[in-house]
Amino acid sequence: MGIPGFSRTCPECGNVSAENRPTQEKFHCVSCGHSTHADTVGALNGLRAGLVRRDANPV
């Protein structure tokens, strides 16, 4: 189970829409047209969120 919205948020423009996921494996941003595998989008968004959190709470 992933974090809600990660695989529906465009890593290029930030648009969040259920329509960005036409199928379980495909991602196509309805705003900017960015297209890739949905798992790649979820991984990129998760990485970015982790880096933001790390930078906000340095050890």
PDB file of N, CA and C in Angstrom:
ATOM      1  N   MET A   1       0.840  -1.186   0.000  1.00  0.00           N
ATOM      2  CA  MET A   1       0.000   0.000   0.000  1.00  0.00           C
ATOM      3  C   MET A   1       0.879   1.241   0.000  1.00  0.00           C
ATOM      4  N   GLY A   2       0.702   2.102  -0.986  1.00  0.00           N
ATOM      5  CA  GLY A   2       1.504   3.301  -1.109  1.00  0.00           C
ATOM      6  C   GLY A   2       0.841   4.507  -0.466  1.00  0.00           C
ATOM      7  N   ILE A   3       1.518   5.609  -0.550  1.00  0.00           N
ATOM      8  CA  ILE A   3       0.980   6.863  -0.028  1.00  0.00           C
ATOM      9  C   ILE A   3      -0.010   7.413  -1.045  1.00  0.00           C
ATOM     10  N   PRO A   4      -1.210   7.786  -0.606  1.00  0.00           N
ATOM     11  CA  PRO A   4      -2.230   8.273  -1.554  1.00  0.00           C
ATOM     12  C   PRO A   4      -1.743   9.451  -2.391  1.00  0.00           C
ATOM     13  N   GLY A   5      -1.997   9.355  -3.680  1.00  0.00           N
ATOM     14  CA  GLY A   5      -1.657  10.443  -4.586  1.00  0.00           C
ATOM     15  C   GLY A   5      -0.284  10.361  -5.222  1.00  0.00           C
ATOM     16  N   PHE A   6       0.623   9.551  -4.666  1.00  0.00           N
ATOM     17  CA  PHE A   6       1.979   9.510  -5.219  1.00  0.00           C
ATOM     18  C   PHE A   6       1.998   9.089  -6.674  1.00  0.00           C
ATOM     19  N   SER A   7       1.200   8.125  -7.038  1.00  0.00           N
ATOM     20  CA  SER A   7       1.235   7.642  -8.414  1.00  0.00           C
ATOM     21  C   SER A   7       0.268   8.402  -9.319  1.00  0.00           C
ATOM     22  N   ARG A   8      -0.397   9.427  -8.778  1.00  0.00           N
ATOM     23  CA  ARG A   8      -1.292  10.264  -9.583  1.00  0.00           C
ATOM     24  C   ARG A   8      -0.779  11.693  -9.712  1.00  0.00           C
ATOM     25  N   THR A   9       0.372  11.981  -9.089  1.00  0.00           N
ATOM     26  CA  THR A   9       0.971  13.310  -9.125  1.00  0.00           C
ATOM     27  C   THR A   9       2.055  13.351 -10.194  1.00  0.00           C
ATOM     28  N   CYS A  10       1.955  14.291 -11.110  1.00  0.00           N
ATOM     29  CA  CYS A  10       2.945  14.403 -12.182  1.00  0.00           C
ATOM     30  C   CYS A  10       4.271  14.913 -11.625  1.00  0.00           C
ATOM     31  N   PRO A  11       5.371  14.188 -11.847  1.00  0.00           N
ATOM     32  CA  PRO A  11       6.677  14.634 -11.358  1.00  0.00           C
ATOM     33  C   PRO A  11       7.230  15.822 -12.152  1.00  0.00           C
ATOM     34  N   GLU A  12       6.634  16.117 -13.286  1.00  0.00           N
ATOM     35  CA  GLU A  12       7.097  17.241 -14.109  1.00  0.00           C
ATOM     36  C   GLU A  12       6.393  18.548 -13.751  1.00  0.00           C
ATOM     37  N   CYS A  13       5.063  18.521 -13.603  1.00  0.00           N
ATOM     38  CA  CYS A  13       4.330  19.780 -13.392  1.00  0.00           C
ATOM     39  C   CYS A  13       3.577  19.836 -12.069  1.00  0.00           C
ATOM     40  N   GLY A  14       3.471  18.705 -11.357  1.00  0.00           N
ATOM     41  CA  GLY A  14       2.804  18.683 -10.063  1.00  0.00           C
ATOM     42  C   GLY A  14       1.299  18.476 -10.115  1.00  0.00           C
ATOM     43  N   ASN A  15       0.726  18.335 -11.304  1.00  0.00           N
ATOM     44  CA  ASN A  15      -0.712  18.110 -11.435  1.00  0.00           C
ATOM     45  C   ASN A  15      -1.104  16.801 -10.756  1.00  0.00           C
ATOM     46  N   VAL A  16      -2.163  16.846  -9.943  1.00  0.00           N
ATOM     47  CA  VAL A  16      -2.673  15.651  -9.280  1.00  0.00           C
ATOM     48  C   VAL A  16      -4.060  15.356  -9.825  1.00  0.00           C
ATOM     49  N   SER A  17      -4.218  14.185 -10.423  1.00  0.00           N
ATOM     50  CA  SER A  17      -5.513  13.811 -10.982  1.00  0.00           C
ATOM     51  C   SER A  17      -5.587  12.299 -11.140  1.00  0.00           C
ATOM     52  N   ALA A  18      -6.737  11.737 -10.791  1.00  0.00           N
ATOM     53  CA  ALA A  18      -6.948  10.308 -11.024  1.00  0.00           C
ATOM     54  C   ALA A  18      -6.887  10.011 -12.522  1.00  0.00           C
ATOM     55  N   GLU A  19      -7.213  10.995 -13.343  1.00  0.00           N
ATOM     56  CA  GLU A  19      -7.180  10.812 -14.797  1.00  0.00           C
ATOM     57  C   GLU A  19      -5.760  10.667 -15.329  1.00  0.00           C
ATOM     58  N   ASN A  20      -4.747  11.003 -14.519  1.00  0.00           N
ATOM     59  CA  ASN A  20      -3.355  10.814 -14.935  1.00  0.00           C
ATOM     60  C   ASN A  20      -2.998   9.338 -15.027  1.00  0.00           C
ATOM     61  N   ARG A  21      -3.830   8.457 -14.453  1.00  0.00           N
ATOM     62  CA  ARG A  21      -3.596   7.016 -14.475  1.00  0.00           C
ATOM     63  C   ARG A  21      -4.658   6.329 -15.311  1.00  0.00           C
ATOM     64  N   PRO A  22      -4.525   6.310 -16.636  1.00  0.00           N
ATOM     65  CA  PRO A  22      -5.538   5.678 -17.483  1.00  0.00           C
ATOM     66  C   PRO A  22      -5.634   4.165 -17.265  1.00  0.00           C
ATOM     67  N   THR A  23      -4.533   3.544 -16.856  1.00  0.00           N
ATOM     68  CA  THR A  23      -4.528   2.131 -16.491  1.00  0.00           C
ATOM     69  C   THR A  23      -3.642   1.986 -15.262  1.00  0.00           C
ATOM     70  N   GLN A  24      -3.616   0.788 -14.690  1.00  0.00           N
ATOM     71  CA  GLN A  24      -2.818   0.575 -13.487  1.00  0.00           C
ATOM     72  C   GLN A  24      -1.336   0.838 -13.734  1.00  0.00           C
ATOM     73  N   GLU A  25      -0.840   0.499 -14.918  1.00  0.00           N
ATOM     74  CA  GLU A  25       0.597   0.626 -15.160  1.00  0.00           C
ATOM     75  C   GLU A  25       1.002   1.879 -15.925  1.00  0.00           C
ATOM     76  N   LYS A  26       0.070   2.578 -16.520  1.00  0.00           N
ATOM     77  CA  LYS A  26       0.406   3.754 -17.329  1.00  0.00           C
ATOM     78  C   LYS A  26       0.145   5.056 -16.588  1.00  0.00           C
ATOM     79  N   PHE A  27       1.031   6.019 -16.829  1.00  0.00           N
ATOM     80  CA  PHE A  27       0.850   7.375 -16.312  1.00  0.00           C
ATOM     81  C   PHE A  27       0.925   8.318 -17.501  1.00  0.00           C
ATOM     82  N   HIS A  28      -0.076   9.180 -17.617  1.00  0.00           N
ATOM     83  CA  HIS A  28      -0.082  10.199 -18.659  1.00  0.00           C
ATOM     84  C   HIS A  28      -0.729  11.449 -18.071  1.00  0.00           C
ATOM     85  N   CYS A  29       0.061  12.503 -17.861  1.00  0.00           N
ATOM     86  CA  CYS A  29      -0.437  13.722 -17.232  1.00  0.00           C
ATOM     87  C   CYS A  29      -1.415  14.440 -18.167  1.00  0.00           C
ATOM     88  N   VAL A  30      -2.611  14.714 -17.643  1.00  0.00           N
ATOM     89  CA  VAL A  30      -3.624  15.397 -18.442  1.00  0.00           C
ATOM     90  C   VAL A  30      -3.318  16.885 -18.579  1.00  0.00           C
ATOM     91  N   SER A  31      -2.369  17.388 -17.787  1.00  0.00           N
ATOM     92  CA  SER A  31      -2.030  18.810 -17.845  1.00  0.00           C
ATOM     93  C   SER A  31      -0.860  19.091 -18.790  1.00  0.00           C
ATOM     94  N   CYS A  32       0.272  18.386 -18.582  1.00  0.00           N
ATOM     95  CA  CYS A  32       1.470  18.701 -19.382  1.00  0.00           C
ATOM     96  C   CYS A  32       1.816  17.637 -20.421  1.00  0.00           C
ATOM     97  N   GLY A  33       1.165  16.464 -20.352  1.00  0.00           N
ATOM     98  CA  GLY A  33       1.418  15.419 -21.339  1.00  0.00           C
ATOM     99  C   GLY A  33       2.537  14.458 -20.983  1.00  0.00           C
ATOM    100  N   HIS A  34       3.203  14.649 -19.835  1.00  0.00           N
ATOM    101  CA  HIS A  34       4.281  13.739 -19.422  1.00  0.00           C
ATOM    102  C   HIS A  34       3.738  12.320 -19.356  1.00  0.00           C
ATOM    103  N   SER A  35       4.495  11.355 -19.890  1.00  0.00           N
ATOM    104  CA  SER A  35       4.035   9.986 -19.951  1.00  0.00           C
ATOM    105  C   SER A  35       5.168   9.035 -19.580  1.00  0.00           C
ATOM    106  N   THR A  36       4.880   8.075 -18.690  1.00  0.00           N
ATOM    107  CA  THR A  36       5.855   7.071 -18.273  1.00  0.00           C
ATOM    108  C   THR A  36       5.123   5.958 -17.532  1.00  0.00           C
ATOM    109  N   HIS A  37       5.848   5.000 -17.018  1.00  0.00           N
ATOM    110  CA  HIS A  37       5.253   3.915 -16.239  1.00  0.00           C
ATOM    111  C   HIS A  37       4.841   4.452 -14.870  1.00  0.00           C
ATOM    112  N   ALA A  38       3.678   4.042 -14.382  1.00  0.00           N
ATOM    113  CA  ALA A  38       3.156   4.543 -13.114  1.00  0.00           C
ATOM    114  C   ALA A  38       4.077   4.226 -11.935  1.00  0.00           C
ATOM    115  N   ASP A  39       4.766   3.093 -11.966  1.00  0.00           N
ATOM    116  CA  ASP A  39       5.683   2.756 -10.879  1.00  0.00           C
ATOM    117  C   ASP A  39       6.851   3.739 -10.822  1.00  0.00           C
ATOM    118  N   THR A  40       7.296   4.201 -11.981  1.00  0.00           N
ATOM    119  CA  THR A  40       8.378   5.190 -12.036  1.00  0.00           C
ATOM    120  C   THR A  40       7.925   6.493 -11.393  1.00  0.00           C
ATOM    121  N   VAL A  41       6.700   6.904 -11.684  1.00  0.00           N
ATOM    122  CA  VAL A  41       6.155   8.136 -11.110  1.00  0.00           C
ATOM    123  C   VAL A  41       6.072   8.021  -9.594  1.00  0.00           C
ATOM    124  N   GLY A  42       5.548   6.903  -9.097  1.00  0.00           N
ATOM    125  CA  GLY A  42       5.449   6.707  -7.653  1.00  0.00           C
ATOM    126  C   GLY A  42       6.810   6.707  -6.982  1.00  0.00           C
ATOM    127  N   ALA A  43       7.798   6.081  -7.614  1.00  0.00           N
ATOM    128  CA  ALA A  43       9.149   6.038  -7.056  1.00  0.00           C
ATOM    129  C   ALA A  43       9.786   7.427  -7.030  1.00  0.00           C
ATOM    130  N   LEU A  44       9.636   8.178  -8.113  1.00  0.00           N
ATOM    131  CA  LEU A  44      10.197   9.532  -8.148  1.00  0.00           C
ATOM    132  C   LEU A  44       9.559  10.432  -7.097  1.00  0.00           C
ATOM    133  N   ASN A  45       8.244  10.363  -6.988  1.00  0.00           N
ATOM    134  CA  ASN A  45       7.553  11.196  -6.015  1.00  0.00           C
ATOM    135  C   ASN A  45       7.902  10.795  -4.583  1.00  0.00           C
ATOM    136  N   GLY A  46       8.059   9.487  -4.349  1.00  0.00           N
ATOM    137  CA  GLY A  46       8.467   9.019  -3.026  1.00  0.00           C
ATOM    138  C   GLY A  46       9.872   9.465  -2.677  1.00  0.00           C
ATOM    139  N   LEU A  47      10.780   9.393  -3.638  1.00  0.00           N
ATOM    140  CA  LEU A  47      12.156   9.848  -3.431  1.00  0.00           C
ATOM    141  C   LEU A  47      12.185  11.335  -3.104  1.00  0.00           C
ATOM    142  N   ARG A  48      11.470  12.121  -3.878  1.00  0.00           N
ATOM    143  CA  ARG A  48      11.441  13.560  -3.638  1.00  0.00           C
ATOM    144  C   ARG A  48      10.892  13.892  -2.261  1.00  0.00           C
ATOM    145  N   ALA A  49       9.814  13.203  -1.854  1.00  0.00           N
ATOM    146  CA  ALA A  49       9.227  13.445  -0.534  1.00  0.00           C
ATOM    147  C   ALA A  49      10.220  13.078   0.568  1.00  0.00           C
ATOM    148  N   GLY A  50      10.936  11.982   0.381  1.00  0.00           N
ATOM    149  CA  GLY A  50      11.941  11.573   1.364  1.00  0.00           C
ATOM    150  C   GLY A  50      13.076  12.568   1.471  1.00  0.00           C
ATOM    151  N   LEU A  51      13.522  13.089   0.342  1.00  0.00           N
ATOM    152  CA  LEU A  51      14.604  14.076   0.363  1.00  0.00           C
ATOM    153  C   LEU A  51      14.163  15.378   1.042  1.00  0.00           C
ATOM    154  N   VAL A  52      12.919  15.779   0.796  1.00  0.00           N
ATOM    155  CA  VAL A  52      12.388  16.981   1.450  1.00  0.00           C
ATOM    156  C   VAL A  52      12.339  16.762   2.959  1.00  0.00           C
ATOM    157  N   ARG A  53      11.855  15.599   3.369  1.00  0.00           N
ATOM    158  CA  ARG A  53      11.764  15.297   4.799  1.00  0.00           C
ATOM    159  C   ARG A  53      13.150  15.252   5.431  1.00  0.00           C
ATOM    160  N   ARG A  54      14.112  14.628   4.754  1.00  0.00           N
ATOM    161  CA  ARG A  54      15.474  14.553   5.272  1.00  0.00           C
ATOM    162  C   ARG A  54      16.063  15.943   5.440  1.00  0.00           C
ATOM    163  N   ASP A  55      15.873  16.802   4.435  1.00  0.00           N
ATOM    164  CA  ASP A  55      16.429  18.146   4.503  1.00  0.00           C
ATOM    165  C   ASP A  55      15.747  18.999   5.569  1.00  0.00           C
ATOM    166  N   ALA A  56      14.482  18.707   5.873  1.00  0.00           N
ATOM    167  CA  ALA A  56      13.756  19.457   6.889  1.00  0.00           C
ATOM    168  C   ALA A  56      14.150  19.012   8.301  1.00  0.00           C
ATOM    169  N   ASN A  57      14.621  17.764   8.433  1.00  0.00           N
ATOM    170  CA  ASN A  57      14.988  17.204   9.739  1.00  0.00           C
ATOM    171  C   ASN A  57      16.364  16.591   9.683  1.00  0.00           C
ATOM    172  N   PRO A  58      17.412  17.404   9.495  1.00  0.00           N
ATOM    173  CA  PRO A  58      18.756  16.830   9.392  1.00  0.00           C
ATOM    174  C   PRO A  58      19.162  16.166  10.716  1.00  0.00           C
ATOM    175  N   VAL A  59      19.916  15.081  10.587  1.00  0.00           N
ATOM    176  CA  VAL A  59      20.361  14.335  11.767  1.00  0.00           C
ATOM    177  C   VAL A  59      21.631  14.927  12.295  1.00  0.00           C
TER     178      VAL A  59
END
